[in-house]
Amino acid sequence: MKFVLILAAFAADPTIAFTTTGGILGTATTTRASTTTTIIPTSPSSRGTLLRLDAAADGVANGTDKKKVIVLGGDGFCGWPTSLYLSDQGHDVVIVDNLSRRNIDTELGCDSLTPIQPPGVRVSAWKEVSGKDIKFVNLDVAKEYDLLVQLIKDEKPDSIVHFAEQRAAPYSMKNSKTKRYTVDNNVSGSNNLCCAVIDSEVDAHIVHLGTMGVYGYGTSGGEIPEGYIDIILPGGREANILHPAYPGSVYHATKCLDALLWQFYQKNDQLRITDLHQGIVWGTNTPQTIKDERLVNRFDYDGDYGTVLNRFLMQGAMGVPLTVYGTGGQTRGFIHITDTARCIEIAINNPPKAGERVEIFNQIAETRRVRDVAKLVADQTGVDVNLLPNPRQEAAENELEVSNRKFCNLGLDPITLDAALFDEVTEVVNKYKHRCDPTKILPASFWNKKRAEECASLDPNSVKIKV
């Protein structure tokens, strides 16, 4: 019997906007007309359904050995639903979290829109509804190294899923304190994890949740490959190297530094590592979190942690004009929270062999332009779209073509943006809208002094919610 260890921290870059209409990358036919990309799914079931995986990707249900997984950051937005999904699939799950994201709620004065329960209540509720045990360990991966080593020795996981990082680009740019915290927490945590696997002498497969932002946006001059890119060196020599890094925030820079750490420890110590470059996550609940209200996932709507589509859906449901930054011409990759959990299991079930280079997947379902996503929501909800000064230092417009063939070839049939699926998020918002603080909706973090000056006219008290 095998076991998997999952480190779940903060996953997805929560604050970007999308803009080109798009579809399932790698498995779709793309038809271009002027500036619009129409994506035609290869399977009718890919729209309006929560996701279907072929037998090869379904893990324990189709005969794959049960694994023990430690999830670092398993109390977070991506870590919690992933932990429940893996447990539901029959894996033995241990959640590790220092509850730092909850502490940041207190710091920012903004709670999750949904009333998330304490970890002890969450795992007890899961035991009641599923009959399955999940262990919770309060541990700081970046600071409590000896405890991390001992935990790995005791649990002997097959896999460690690493979500335990500060996940918000805006928060990482808020001030010098948050910039330093993001680097200290994220980079130290990743380095500690590698060292702990080595010192524990446990051959655990590390699965890290990274970000599409390591590539930058629109810098490849074509389709962005999965991690590695073919180049021609002086003298006509051909090589396949790690894709150049082009981060757009301190948060993204830590993910680039993570990528270099993975390369080093794989080469030096033959660690088995998979790095997942994930797009912006949308959605809130999964088939597991809806089993009991005590299992509800967190929903961030504020300018620092709210992911762009979730922010739009919340604003639309509350009658608030959509907050589009700049022209809305930024193109980004998207993925539903349910697919995040599915992709993690696919990665766990397909580890690189000892000695193989770091495996890299692009973990997205489709690309969209932000203003196009805003129009989708505005058309459905009837609210206006407001073009705000952009708090970010980024290109006003960009194209984005991304390969995601690896996951698709392993059986992923991704959820794409669909008005019917927006209803799930809208229902959550309507249920808990009394918990919303409208003063937290506008951006509150700015990339530099110039951006702060351009956004100086934004008044957080001007946002009014329609009752």
Protein backbone atom coordinates (compact mmCIF):
# COMPACT_ATOMS: atom_id res chain seq x y z
CA MET A 1 0.00 0.00 0.00
CA LYS A 2 1.30 3.46 -0.91
CA PHE A 3 0.76 6.83 0.75
CA VAL A 4 0.70 10.45 -0.45
CA LEU A 5 1.68 13.61 1.47
CA ILE A 6 0.12 16.88 0.30
CA LEU A 7 1.38 20.36 1.18
CA ALA A 8 -1.44 22.71 0.44
CA ALA A 9 -0.79 26.38 0.80
CA PHE A 10 -1.97 29.10 -1.48
CA ALA A 11 -2.36 28.31 -5.06
CA ALA A 12 -3.59 30.40 -7.84
CA ASP A 13 -2.64 33.95 -8.58
CA PRO A 14 -5.92 35.41 -7.42
CA THR A 15 -5.96 38.84 -8.87
CA ILE A 16 -5.57 38.88 -12.59
CA ALA A 17 -8.13 39.49 -15.25
CA PHE A 18 -8.69 37.73 -18.48
CA THR A 19 -9.55 39.00 -21.86
CA THR A 20 -9.46 36.78 -24.91
CA THR A 21 -12.21 34.31 -25.52
CA GLY A 22 -10.71 30.91 -25.65
CA GLY A 23 -11.12 27.24 -25.10
CA ILE A 24 -9.54 24.00 -24.16
CA LEU A 25 -5.89 24.27 -25.02
CA GLY A 26 -4.25 21.42 -26.85
CA THR A 27 -7.55 19.64 -27.43
CA ALA A 28 -9.52 22.36 -29.15
CA THR A 29 -9.75 23.72 -32.62
CA THR A 30 -9.04 27.44 -32.65
CA THR A 31 -10.71 29.72 -35.14
CA ARG A 32 -9.43 33.31 -35.20
CA ALA A 33 -11.48 36.26 -36.37
CA SER A 34 -9.91 39.66 -35.88
CA THR A 35 -9.07 39.79 -32.15
CA THR A 36 -11.45 37.06 -31.00
CA THR A 37 -10.53 33.44 -30.48
CA THR A 38 -13.37 30.95 -30.48
CA ILE A 39 -12.58 27.62 -28.88
CA ILE A 40 -14.53 24.59 -29.92
CA PRO A 41 -14.40 21.80 -27.29
CA THR A 42 -13.44 18.38 -28.58
CA SER A 43 -16.19 16.83 -26.51
CA PRO A 44 -19.75 18.08 -25.95
CA SER A 45 -19.47 17.04 -22.31
CA SER A 46 -16.79 19.63 -21.60
CA ARG A 47 -19.27 22.48 -21.26
CA GLY A 48 -21.82 22.73 -18.46
CA THR A 49 -20.48 19.73 -16.59
CA LEU A 50 -18.13 19.56 -13.68
CA LEU A 51 -15.46 17.48 -15.38
CA ARG A 52 -14.98 13.97 -16.62
CA LEU A 53 -11.76 12.06 -16.39
CA ASP A 54 -10.95 9.02 -18.44
CA ALA A 55 -10.17 5.80 -16.63
CA ALA A 56 -6.43 6.37 -16.80
CA ALA A 57 -6.75 9.45 -14.62
CA ASP A 58 -9.19 8.21 -12.02
CA GLY A 59 -6.73 6.88 -9.47
CA VAL A 60 -7.90 4.54 -6.75
CA ALA A 61 -11.33 4.09 -8.30
CA ASN A 62 -9.69 2.36 -11.27
CA GLY A 63 -7.19 0.24 -9.45
CA THR A 64 -4.29 2.60 -8.74
CA ASP A 65 -2.75 1.92 -5.34
CA LYS A 66 -3.93 3.96 -2.41
CA LYS A 67 -1.32 6.54 -1.50
CA LYS A 68 -0.47 8.61 1.53
CA VAL A 69 -0.36 12.29 0.69
CA ILE A 70 0.76 15.18 2.89
CA VAL A 71 -0.86 18.43 1.82
CA LEU A 72 1.08 21.46 2.99
CA GLY A 73 -1.28 24.40 3.04
CA GLY A 74 -4.27 22.07 3.11
CA ASP A 75 -6.49 24.60 4.88
CA GLY A 76 -6.34 27.05 1.96
CA PHE A 77 -8.46 27.90 -1.07
CA CYS A 78 -6.95 25.17 -3.27
CA GLY A 79 -5.53 22.93 -0.54
CA TRP A 80 -8.79 22.20 1.27
CA PRO A 81 -10.88 20.99 -1.71
CA THR A 82 -7.86 19.07 -3.03
CA SER A 83 -7.46 17.31 0.31
CA LEU A 84 -11.13 16.30 0.36
CA TYR A 85 -11.00 15.11 -3.24
CA LEU A 86 -7.93 12.94 -2.64
CA SER A 87 -9.50 11.49 0.50
CA ASP A 88 -12.72 10.81 -1.41
CA GLN A 89 -10.67 8.98 -4.04
CA GLY A 90 -9.34 6.65 -1.35
CA HIS A 91 -5.95 8.20 -0.58
CA ASP A 92 -4.70 8.63 2.99
CA VAL A 93 -4.40 12.40 3.53
CA VAL A 94 -2.51 14.45 6.11
CA ILE A 95 -3.10 18.21 6.07
CA VAL A 96 -0.29 20.50 7.22
CA ASP A 97 -1.03 24.20 7.68
CA ASN A 98 0.04 27.02 10.00
CA LEU A 99 -3.24 28.89 9.36
CA SER A 100 -1.34 31.90 8.03
CA ARG A 101 -4.08 32.71 5.50
CA ARG A 102 -6.61 33.02 8.32
CA ASN A 103 -4.18 35.32 10.13
CA ILE A 104 -3.94 37.49 7.01
CA ASP A 105 -7.74 37.79 7.07
CA THR A 106 -7.36 39.41 10.49
CA GLU A 107 -4.53 41.62 9.24
CA LEU A 108 -6.56 42.87 6.26
CA GLY A 109 -9.82 43.12 8.21
CA CYS A 110 -11.60 41.04 5.58
CA ASP A 111 -12.96 37.54 6.14
CA SER A 112 -13.88 34.92 3.59
CA LEU A 113 -17.36 35.60 2.22
CA THR A 114 -18.21 32.03 3.19
CA PRO A 115 -18.00 31.19 6.92
CA ILE A 116 -15.15 28.67 6.93
CA GLN A 117 -14.93 26.47 10.01
CA PRO A 118 -11.81 25.76 12.13
CA PRO A 119 -9.67 22.84 10.86
CA GLY A 120 -10.83 20.53 13.65
CA VAL A 121 -14.48 21.08 12.78
CA ARG A 122 -13.75 20.63 9.09
CA VAL A 123 -12.03 17.25 9.40
CA SER A 124 -14.63 16.00 11.90
CA ALA A 125 -17.42 16.95 9.50
CA TRP A 126 -15.64 15.14 6.68
CA LYS A 127 -15.42 12.02 8.87
CA GLU A 128 -19.18 12.23 9.51
CA VAL A 129 -20.20 12.53 5.86
CA SER A 130 -17.57 10.26 4.28
CA GLY A 131 -16.40 7.86 6.97
CA LYS A 132 -12.83 8.81 6.06
CA ASP A 133 -10.16 10.23 8.35
CA ILE A 134 -7.99 13.25 7.52
CA LYS A 135 -5.26 14.18 9.96
CA PHE A 136 -4.51 17.87 10.60
CA VAL A 137 -1.09 19.10 11.78
CA ASN A 138 -0.43 22.76 12.66
CA LEU A 139 3.12 23.32 11.44
CA ASP A 140 5.04 26.17 9.78
CA VAL A 141 6.94 24.66 6.85
CA ALA A 142 9.17 27.73 6.48
CA LYS A 143 10.18 27.88 10.15
CA GLU A 144 9.72 24.54 11.92
CA TYR A 145 12.16 22.44 9.95
CA ASP A 146 12.83 19.73 12.54
CA LEU A 147 9.11 19.10 12.98
CA LEU A 148 8.71 18.84 9.20
CA VAL A 149 11.50 16.27 8.95
CA GLN A 150 10.03 14.21 11.78
CA LEU A 151 6.57 14.34 10.24
CA ILE A 152 7.87 12.97 6.95
CA LYS A 153 9.76 10.23 8.80
CA ASP A 154 6.65 9.29 10.78
CA GLU A 155 4.13 9.40 7.93
CA LYS A 156 6.37 8.08 5.14
CA PRO A 157 4.27 9.68 2.40
CA ASP A 158 4.33 8.63 -1.21
CA SER A 159 3.67 12.20 -2.29
CA ILE A 160 3.88 15.68 -0.78
CA VAL A 161 1.66 18.30 -2.37
CA HIS A 162 3.06 21.77 -1.79
CA PHE A 163 0.46 24.57 -1.70
CA ALA A 164 2.01 26.19 1.39
CA GLU A 165 2.90 29.56 -0.05
CA GLN A 166 1.56 33.10 0.13
CA ARG A 167 -0.50 33.05 -3.05
CA ALA A 168 -1.64 36.59 -3.83
CA ALA A 169 0.31 38.81 -6.22
CA PRO A 170 -1.33 42.04 -4.93
CA TYR A 171 -0.62 41.18 -1.30
CA SER A 172 3.01 40.49 -2.23
CA MET A 173 3.23 44.04 -3.63
CA LYS A 174 1.39 45.83 -0.82
CA ASN A 175 4.43 47.12 1.07
CA SER A 176 7.96 46.16 2.10
CA LYS A 177 6.67 43.95 4.91
CA THR A 178 4.48 41.82 2.66
CA LYS A 179 7.19 41.62 -0.02
CA ARG A 180 9.71 40.32 2.50
CA TYR A 181 7.20 37.95 4.06
CA THR A 182 6.29 36.47 0.68
CA VAL A 183 9.93 35.78 -0.19
CA ASP A 184 10.83 34.47 3.27
CA ASN A 185 7.78 32.21 3.50
CA ASN A 186 7.64 30.88 -0.05
CA VAL A 187 11.29 30.34 -0.88
CA SER A 188 12.29 29.10 2.59
CA GLY A 189 9.34 26.73 2.65
CA SER A 190 10.25 25.19 -0.69
CA ASN A 191 13.91 24.84 0.25
CA ASN A 192 12.97 23.34 3.62
CA LEU A 193 10.74 20.81 1.90
CA CYS A 194 13.54 19.59 -0.36
CA CYS A 195 15.98 19.37 2.53
CA ALA A 196 13.44 17.57 4.70
CA VAL A 197 12.76 14.92 2.06
CA ILE A 198 16.51 14.33 1.78
CA ASP A 199 17.14 14.25 5.55
CA SER A 200 14.14 12.01 6.22
CA GLU A 201 15.43 9.46 3.68
CA VAL A 202 11.86 9.02 2.44
CA ASP A 203 11.49 8.81 -1.35
CA ALA A 204 8.50 11.15 -1.51
CA HIS A 205 7.37 12.64 -4.79
CA ILE A 206 6.99 16.44 -4.47
CA VAL A 207 4.05 17.99 -6.36
CA HIS A 208 4.27 21.80 -6.32
CA LEU A 209 1.52 24.22 -7.28
CA GLY A 210 3.20 26.95 -9.27
CA THR A 211 1.76 29.60 -11.58
CA MET A 212 1.52 30.45 -15.25
CA GLY A 213 3.01 33.79 -14.25
CA VAL A 214 6.53 32.32 -14.27
CA TYR A 215 6.47 32.60 -18.06
CA GLY A 216 5.34 36.21 -18.14
CA TYR A 217 2.54 37.04 -20.54
CA GLY A 218 3.00 37.14 -24.27
CA THR A 219 6.79 36.87 -24.18
CA SER A 220 7.28 33.59 -26.06
CA GLY A 221 6.18 34.85 -29.46
CA GLY A 222 3.93 31.81 -29.85
CA GLU A 223 2.54 28.92 -27.88
CA ILE A 224 4.06 28.60 -24.41
CA PRO A 225 5.37 25.04 -24.00
CA GLU A 226 5.12 23.01 -20.80
CA GLY A 227 8.13 24.11 -18.83
CA TYR A 228 10.93 23.57 -21.33
CA ILE A 229 11.63 25.31 -24.62
CA ASP A 230 13.76 24.38 -27.63
CA ILE A 231 16.48 26.90 -28.46
CA ILE A 232 19.41 27.26 -30.84
CA LEU A 233 22.67 28.33 -29.22
CA PRO A 234 25.53 30.14 -30.98
CA GLY A 235 27.11 27.87 -33.56
CA GLY A 236 23.78 26.25 -34.38
CA ARG A 237 23.77 24.01 -31.31
CA GLU A 238 20.28 22.85 -30.32
CA ALA A 239 19.18 22.60 -26.70
CA ASN A 240 16.03 22.15 -24.64
CA ILE A 241 16.13 24.39 -21.56
CA LEU A 242 13.88 25.61 -18.76
CA HIS A 243 11.66 28.35 -20.16
CA PRO A 244 13.06 31.80 -19.27
CA ALA A 245 11.43 33.43 -16.25
CA TYR A 246 9.61 36.75 -16.54
CA PRO A 247 7.79 37.41 -13.24
CA GLY A 248 5.29 40.23 -12.82
CA SER A 249 5.24 40.52 -9.02
CA VAL A 250 7.18 39.43 -5.94
CA TYR A 251 4.79 36.47 -5.65
CA HIS A 252 5.57 35.40 -9.21
CA ALA A 253 9.28 35.90 -8.57
CA THR A 254 9.13 33.41 -5.67
CA LYS A 255 7.60 30.84 -7.99
CA CYS A 256 10.47 31.41 -10.42
CA LEU A 257 12.94 30.88 -7.58
CA ASP A 258 11.06 27.72 -6.63
CA ALA A 259 11.52 26.45 -10.17
CA LEU A 260 15.30 26.87 -9.89
CA LEU A 261 15.33 25.07 -6.53
CA TRP A 262 13.46 22.13 -8.07
CA GLN A 263 15.99 21.94 -10.90
CA PHE A 264 18.92 21.97 -8.49
CA TYR A 265 17.62 19.37 -6.03
CA GLN A 266 16.57 17.06 -8.84
CA LYS A 267 20.03 17.26 -10.38
CA ASN A 268 21.96 17.12 -7.11
CA ASP A 269 19.86 14.71 -5.02
CA GLN A 270 17.66 13.00 -7.61
CA LEU A 271 14.47 14.18 -5.95
CA ARG A 272 11.31 13.34 -7.87
CA ILE A 273 9.46 16.60 -8.48
CA THR A 274 6.45 17.77 -10.50
CA ASP A 275 5.83 21.49 -10.93
CA LEU A 276 2.32 22.60 -11.96
CA HIS A 277 2.03 26.01 -13.62
CA GLN A 278 -1.57 26.83 -12.80
CA GLY A 279 -3.82 29.51 -14.24
CA ILE A 280 -6.27 31.69 -12.33
CA VAL A 281 -8.70 29.62 -10.30
CA TRP A 282 -12.44 30.27 -10.31
CA GLY A 283 -15.37 28.63 -8.60
CA THR A 284 -15.77 27.92 -4.91
CA ASN A 285 -17.20 24.53 -4.09
CA THR A 286 -16.57 21.01 -5.36
CA PRO A 287 -18.60 17.79 -5.16
CA GLN A 288 -16.90 17.14 -1.83
CA THR A 289 -17.26 20.56 -0.16
CA ILE A 290 -21.01 20.72 -0.85
CA LYS A 291 -21.69 17.58 1.19
CA ASP A 292 -21.97 19.63 4.41
CA GLU A 293 -22.01 23.36 5.11
CA ARG A 294 -19.14 22.88 7.56
CA LEU A 295 -16.98 21.79 4.61
CA VAL A 296 -17.54 24.96 2.57
CA ASN A 297 -14.46 26.34 0.82
CA ARG A 298 -13.27 29.89 1.37
CA PHE A 299 -14.40 32.62 -1.02
CA ASP A 300 -12.18 35.69 -1.32
CA TYR A 301 -13.73 38.77 -2.92
CA ASP A 302 -11.34 41.55 -1.89
CA GLY A 303 -8.85 43.37 -4.10
CA ASP A 304 -5.87 41.46 -2.68
CA TYR A 305 -6.99 37.82 -2.61
CA GLY A 306 -10.11 37.61 -4.75
CA THR A 307 -9.42 35.93 -8.09
CA VAL A 308 -10.65 37.96 -11.02
CA LEU A 309 -13.60 35.86 -12.16
CA ASN A 310 -14.80 35.21 -8.62
CA ARG A 311 -14.59 38.95 -7.97
CA PHE A 312 -16.64 39.66 -11.07
CA LEU A 313 -19.28 37.08 -10.18
CA MET A 314 -19.55 38.45 -6.65
CA GLN A 315 -19.83 42.03 -7.90
CA GLY A 316 -22.44 41.08 -10.49
CA ALA A 317 -24.58 39.25 -7.94
CA MET A 318 -24.47 42.27 -5.61
CA GLY A 319 -25.22 44.85 -8.28
CA VAL A 320 -21.73 46.37 -8.13
CA PRO A 321 -20.11 47.55 -11.39
CA LEU A 322 -17.34 45.14 -12.41
CA THR A 323 -13.83 46.31 -11.54
CA VAL A 324 -11.77 45.83 -14.72
CA TYR A 325 -8.18 47.06 -14.46
CA GLY A 326 -6.88 49.19 -17.32
CA THR A 327 -8.31 48.27 -20.72
CA GLY A 328 -9.12 44.72 -19.68
CA GLY A 329 -6.89 43.57 -22.52
CA GLN A 330 -4.87 41.19 -20.35
CA THR A 331 -5.18 37.56 -21.44
CA ARG A 332 -4.83 34.92 -18.76
CA GLY A 333 -5.29 31.19 -18.26
CA PHE A 334 -8.24 29.90 -16.19
CA ILE A 335 -9.08 26.71 -14.35
CA HIS A 336 -12.04 25.65 -12.19
CA ILE A 337 -11.31 24.70 -8.58
CA THR A 338 -12.65 21.18 -9.23
CA ASP A 339 -10.08 20.71 -12.00
CA THR A 340 -7.30 21.85 -9.66
CA ALA A 341 -8.00 18.87 -7.41
CA ARG A 342 -8.28 16.48 -10.38
CA CYS A 343 -4.99 17.66 -11.83
CA ILE A 344 -3.21 17.15 -8.51
CA GLU A 345 -4.27 13.51 -8.47
CA ILE A 346 -3.22 13.02 -12.07
CA ALA A 347 0.22 14.39 -11.16
CA ILE A 348 0.42 12.16 -8.08
CA ASN A 349 -0.44 9.09 -10.14
CA ASN A 350 2.12 9.93 -12.83
CA PRO A 351 5.36 10.77 -10.98
CA PRO A 352 8.70 11.09 -12.76
CA LYS A 353 11.05 8.19 -12.30
CA ALA A 354 14.17 8.53 -10.19
CA GLY A 355 16.78 10.49 -12.11
CA GLU A 356 14.30 12.05 -14.55
CA ARG A 357 14.22 15.82 -14.84
CA VAL A 358 11.54 17.89 -13.14
CA GLU A 359 8.16 17.17 -14.72
CA ILE A 360 6.26 20.34 -15.62
CA PHE A 361 2.58 20.62 -16.54
CA ASN A 362 0.63 23.70 -17.59
CA GLN A 363 -2.45 23.41 -15.39
CA ILE A 364 -5.11 25.46 -17.20
CA ALA A 365 -8.34 24.78 -19.05
CA GLU A 366 -8.48 27.78 -21.38
CA THR A 367 -7.33 31.34 -21.97
CA ARG A 368 -9.59 34.38 -21.95
CA ARG A 369 -9.23 38.14 -22.20
CA VAL A 370 -10.35 39.95 -19.04
CA ARG A 371 -12.77 42.31 -20.71
CA ASP A 372 -14.42 39.36 -22.47
CA VAL A 373 -14.88 37.60 -19.13
CA ALA A 374 -16.33 40.81 -17.71
CA LYS A 375 -18.79 41.00 -20.61
CA LEU A 376 -19.92 37.42 -19.94
CA VAL A 377 -20.72 38.30 -16.34
CA ALA A 378 -22.21 41.70 -17.17
CA ASP A 379 -24.53 40.17 -19.77
CA GLN A 380 -25.73 37.61 -17.26
CA THR A 381 -26.17 39.96 -14.30
CA GLY A 382 -27.04 43.28 -15.93
CA VAL A 383 -24.37 45.29 -14.12
CA ASP A 384 -22.08 47.87 -15.73
CA VAL A 385 -18.38 47.41 -16.41
CA ASN A 386 -16.03 50.00 -14.91
CA LEU A 387 -12.55 50.44 -16.38
CA LEU A 388 -10.36 51.43 -13.43
CA PRO A 389 -6.78 52.68 -13.39
CA ASN A 390 -4.56 49.59 -13.32
CA PRO A 391 -2.82 49.07 -9.95
CA ARG A 392 -0.41 46.62 -11.63
CA GLN A 393 2.73 47.23 -13.66
CA GLU A 394 1.84 45.14 -16.72
CA ALA A 395 1.14 45.31 -20.43
CA ALA A 396 -2.25 46.80 -21.22
CA GLU A 397 -2.87 44.15 -23.90
CA ASN A 398 -1.34 40.74 -24.50
CA GLU A 399 -2.01 37.51 -26.35
CA LEU A 400 -1.55 34.13 -24.69
CA GLU A 401 -1.34 30.70 -26.27
CA VAL A 402 -0.51 27.86 -23.92
CA SER A 403 0.02 24.14 -24.33
CA ASN A 404 -1.78 21.86 -21.86
CA ARG A 405 -1.46 18.64 -23.83
CA LYS A 406 0.10 16.61 -21.02
CA PHE A 407 -2.94 16.75 -18.74
CA CYS A 408 -5.32 16.28 -21.66
CA ASN A 409 -3.37 13.22 -22.82
CA LEU A 410 -3.65 11.81 -19.28
CA GLY A 411 -7.44 12.05 -19.39
CA LEU A 412 -8.36 15.55 -18.22
CA ASP A 413 -11.53 16.92 -19.81
CA PRO A 414 -11.46 20.47 -18.43
CA ILE A 415 -14.33 22.59 -17.21
CA THR A 416 -14.58 25.75 -19.32
CA LEU A 417 -16.25 29.07 -18.56
CA ASP A 418 -19.98 28.63 -18.89
CA ALA A 419 -22.89 30.74 -17.70
CA ALA A 420 -24.57 27.69 -16.17
CA LEU A 421 -21.53 27.09 -13.98
CA PHE A 422 -21.50 30.73 -12.90
CA ASP A 423 -24.79 30.01 -11.11
CA GLU A 424 -22.95 27.97 -8.47
CA VAL A 425 -20.82 30.94 -7.48
CA THR A 426 -23.78 33.32 -7.64
CA GLU A 427 -25.77 31.11 -5.27
CA VAL A 428 -22.91 31.17 -2.77
CA VAL A 429 -22.68 34.96 -3.02
CA ASN A 430 -26.41 35.47 -2.53
CA LYS A 431 -26.42 33.19 0.51
CA TYR A 432 -23.60 34.99 2.28
CA LYS A 433 -23.70 38.53 0.85
CA HIS A 434 -24.50 39.91 4.31
CA ARG A 435 -20.88 39.07 5.19
CA CYS A 436 -19.45 41.30 2.46
CA ASP A 437 -17.56 44.49 3.34
CA PRO A 438 -17.94 46.70 0.24
CA THR A 439 -14.97 48.85 1.26
CA LYS A 440 -12.70 45.87 0.48
CA ILE A 441 -13.77 45.46 -3.16
CA LEU A 442 -11.53 48.04 -4.85
CA PRO A 443 -7.77 47.43 -5.28
CA ALA A 444 -5.71 48.29 -2.20
CA SER A 445 -2.20 47.24 -3.32
CA PHE A 446 -0.20 49.05 -5.99
CA TRP A 447 2.89 47.88 -7.85
CA ASN A 448 4.82 51.15 -7.51
CA LYS A 449 4.43 54.84 -6.67
CA LYS A 450 3.31 55.75 -10.17
CA ARG A 451 0.52 53.16 -10.08
CA ALA A 452 -0.54 54.35 -6.62
CA GLU A 453 -0.75 57.93 -7.88
CA GLU A 454 -2.84 56.89 -10.88
CA CYS A 455 -5.24 55.03 -8.58
CA ALA A 456 -5.42 57.80 -5.97
CA SER A 457 -8.95 58.77 -7.05
CA LEU A 458 -10.36 55.34 -6.16
CA ASP A 459 -12.55 55.66 -3.08
CA PRO A 460 -13.28 52.37 -1.27
CA ASN A 461 -16.28 53.97 0.43
CA SER A 462 -17.88 54.70 -2.93
CA VAL A 463 -18.85 51.08 -3.55
CA LYS A 464 -22.52 50.44 -2.80
CA ILE A 465 -24.22 47.05 -2.72
CA LYS A 466 -27.78 46.69 -3.99
CA VAL A 467 -29.87 44.95 -1.36
